[in-house]
């Protein structure tokens, strides 16, 4: 069992190092890396904004929903 874990983890390590080497050597890999970093930063910004303003956004969303629900129909 232990030998299987060691063999499996060695294969993962070799795969990871090969992936890093290929990304470093190819131009497409550099562009992909830049896009992944940008995606990570944008995701962190969205999570941060929702965490910081989540309660206020929920209150505002509920007030908009109440306002729309209370409309008396189509404007004339």
C-alpha atoms as a PDB file:
ATOM      1  CA  UNK A   1       0.000   0.000   0.000  1.00  0.00           C
ATOM      2  CA  UNK A   2       2.764   2.447   0.926  1.00  0.00           C
ATOM      3  CA  UNK A   3       4.673   1.618  -2.258  1.00  0.00           C
ATOM      4  CA  UNK A   4       1.568   2.419  -4.311  1.00  0.00           C
ATOM      5  CA  UNK A   5       1.266   5.820  -2.621  1.00  0.00           C
ATOM      6  CA  UNK A   6       4.948   6.589  -3.188  1.00  0.00           C
ATOM      7  CA  UNK A   7       4.750   5.471  -6.821  1.00  0.00           C
ATOM      8  CA  UNK A   8       1.572   7.492  -7.385  1.00  0.00           C
ATOM      9  CA  UNK A   9       2.977  10.629  -5.762  1.00  0.00           C
ATOM     10  CA  UNK A  10       6.217  10.324  -7.759  1.00  0.00           C
ATOM     11  CA  UNK A  11       4.176  10.171 -10.953  1.00  0.00           C
ATOM     12  CA  UNK A  12       2.265  13.280  -9.910  1.00  0.00           C
ATOM     13  CA  UNK A  13       5.516  15.068  -9.092  1.00  0.00           C
ATOM     14  CA  UNK A  14       6.976  14.170 -12.498  1.00  0.00           C
ATOM     15  CA  UNK A  15       3.767  15.274 -14.216  1.00  0.00           C
ATOM     16  CA  UNK A  16       3.804  18.580 -12.322  1.00  0.00           C
ATOM     17  CA  UNK A  17       7.447  19.322 -13.090  1.00  0.00           C
ATOM     18  CA  UNK A  18       6.906  18.432 -16.757  1.00  0.00           C
ATOM     19  CA  UNK A  19       3.868  20.709 -16.887  1.00  0.00           C
ATOM     20  CA  UNK A  20       5.804  23.608 -15.355  1.00  0.00           C
ATOM     21  CA  UNK A  21       8.686  23.024 -17.800  1.00  0.00           C
ATOM     22  CA  UNK A  22       6.339  23.011 -20.803  1.00  0.00           C
ATOM     23  CA  UNK A  23       4.531  26.142 -19.621  1.00  0.00           C
ATOM     24  CA  UNK A  24       7.860  27.905 -19.112  1.00  0.00           C
ATOM     25  CA  UNK A  25       9.217  26.974 -22.557  1.00  0.00           C
ATOM     26  CA  UNK A  26       6.166  27.718 -24.684  1.00  0.00           C
ATOM     27  CA  UNK A  27       4.720  31.144 -25.487  1.00  0.00           C
ATOM     28  CA  UNK A  28       1.202  29.749 -25.177  1.00  0.00           C
ATOM     29  CA  UNK A  29       2.063  28.637 -21.671  1.00  0.00           C
ATOM     30  CA  UNK A  30       3.115  32.162 -20.739  1.00  0.00           C
ATOM     31  CA  UNK A  31      -0.141  33.609 -22.034  1.00  0.00           C
ATOM     32  CA  UNK A  32      -2.111  30.918 -20.208  1.00  0.00           C
ATOM     33  CA  UNK A  33      -0.239  31.677 -17.003  1.00  0.00           C
ATOM     34  CA  UNK A  34      -1.000  35.381 -17.340  1.00  0.00           C
ATOM     35  CA  UNK A  35      -4.683  34.668 -17.905  1.00  0.00           C
ATOM     36  CA  UNK A  36      -4.784  32.333 -14.908  1.00  0.00           C
ATOM     37  CA  UNK A  37      -3.182  34.982 -12.693  1.00  0.00           C
ATOM     38  CA  UNK A  38      -5.684  37.569 -13.946  1.00  0.00           C
ATOM     39  CA  UNK A  39      -8.567  35.157 -13.361  1.00  0.00           C
ATOM     40  CA  UNK A  40      -7.318  34.525  -9.829  1.00  0.00           C
ATOM     41  CA  UNK A  41      -7.096  38.253  -9.085  1.00  0.00           C
ATOM     42  CA  UNK A  42     -10.591  38.902 -10.442  1.00  0.00           C
ATOM     43  CA  UNK A  43     -12.008  35.998  -8.460  1.00  0.00           C
ATOM     44  CA  UNK A  44     -10.351  37.284  -5.293  1.00  0.00           C
ATOM     45  CA  UNK A  45     -11.769  40.767  -5.953  1.00  0.00           C
ATOM     46  CA  UNK A  46     -15.305  39.430  -6.407  1.00  0.00           C
ATOM     47  CA  UNK A  47     -15.060  37.280  -3.275  1.00  0.00           C
ATOM     48  CA  UNK A  48     -13.693  40.250  -1.342  1.00  0.00           C
ATOM     49  CA  UNK A  49     -16.478  42.551  -2.552  1.00  0.00           C
ATOM     50  CA  UNK A  50     -19.205  40.048  -1.717  1.00  0.00           C
ATOM     51  CA  UNK A  51     -17.661  39.448   1.700  1.00  0.00           C
ATOM     52  CA  UNK A  52     -17.343  43.161   2.443  1.00  0.00           C
ATOM     53  CA  UNK A  53     -20.692  44.309   1.076  1.00  0.00           C
ATOM     54  CA  UNK A  54     -22.752  41.104   1.200  1.00  0.00           C
ATOM     55  CA  UNK A  55     -25.209  42.164   3.890  1.00  0.00           C
ATOM     56  CA  UNK A  56     -25.832  45.586   2.370  1.00  0.00           C
ATOM     57  CA  UNK A  57     -26.269  44.052  -1.094  1.00  0.00           C
ATOM     58  CA  UNK A  58     -28.834  41.615   0.280  1.00  0.00           C
ATOM     59  CA  UNK A  59     -30.817  44.442   1.871  1.00  0.00           C
ATOM     60  CA  UNK A  60     -30.693  46.494  -1.335  1.00  0.00           C
ATOM     61  CA  UNK A  61     -31.718  43.513  -3.478  1.00  0.00           C
ATOM     62  CA  UNK A  62     -34.682  42.853  -1.172  1.00  0.00           C
ATOM     63  CA  UNK A  63     -35.794  46.500  -1.390  1.00  0.00           C
ATOM     64  CA  UNK A  64     -35.656  46.349  -5.201  1.00  0.00           C
ATOM     65  CA  UNK A  65     -37.669  43.114  -5.165  1.00  0.00           C
ATOM     66  CA  UNK A  66     -40.279  44.712  -2.898  1.00  0.00           C
ATOM     67  CA  UNK A  67     -40.477  47.795  -5.116  1.00  0.00           C
ATOM     68  CA  UNK A  68     -40.974  45.683  -8.262  1.00  0.00           C
ATOM     69  CA  UNK A  69     -43.576  43.511  -6.540  1.00  0.00           C
ATOM     70  CA  UNK A  70     -45.569  46.583  -5.451  1.00  0.00           C
ATOM     71  CA  UNK A  71     -45.833  48.066  -8.950  1.00  0.00           C
ATOM     72  CA  UNK A  72     -49.432  48.405 -10.126  1.00  0.00           C
ATOM     73  CA  UNK A  73     -48.946  47.026 -13.628  1.00  0.00           C
ATOM     74  CA  UNK A  74     -47.720  48.423 -16.910  1.00  0.00           C
ATOM     75  CA  UNK A  75     -47.299  52.192 -17.227  1.00  0.00           C
ATOM     76  CA  UNK A  76     -49.981  53.918 -19.301  1.00  0.00           C
END
